[in-house]
Amino acid sequence: MDISGIHHCAIISSDYARSKHFYVDLLGLKIINETYRNERQSYKLDLSIGNGSQIELFSFPNPPSRPTRPEACGLRHLAFAVPDVDAAARELNEKGIDTEPIRIDAITGKPFTFFRDPDDLPLELYQG
């Protein structure tokens, strides 16, 4: 098997309009395609991340809750590579998005911080 990268990460939102605003207007991800699937009463929004990866943002009627604590079993968090964590965190803060204090990865020596999306999903900025 020759895995060349991560193609996409799928996220189911509790409030599609709010999450679309967060990922498009606040984080600045570009829309590739937006589809409403009437048979599922569901939107699927494909968003481009700078390196060719994507986020698939879904809406579904009445999705069940999922634990989001970083140590809960399952996907721990989604990390975005940025050239300058401090500058990116300031930009999020200026848009009203809280970030944790910037920390240094003990293994790589690189700075990182966490923030949350509208559904309280853990997101990370990682300098890379």
Foldseek 3Di string as FASTA:
>chain_A
DDDDDAAEAEDEDADQVQLCCCVCVQVNWAWPDWDQDVVQNKIWTWTDAPVNHTYTYMYGPPDDDDDADQPDPDDNEAEHEDQDQVVVQVSNVVVVWHKDPWDADPVPRWIKIWTAGPSRHIYMYTYD
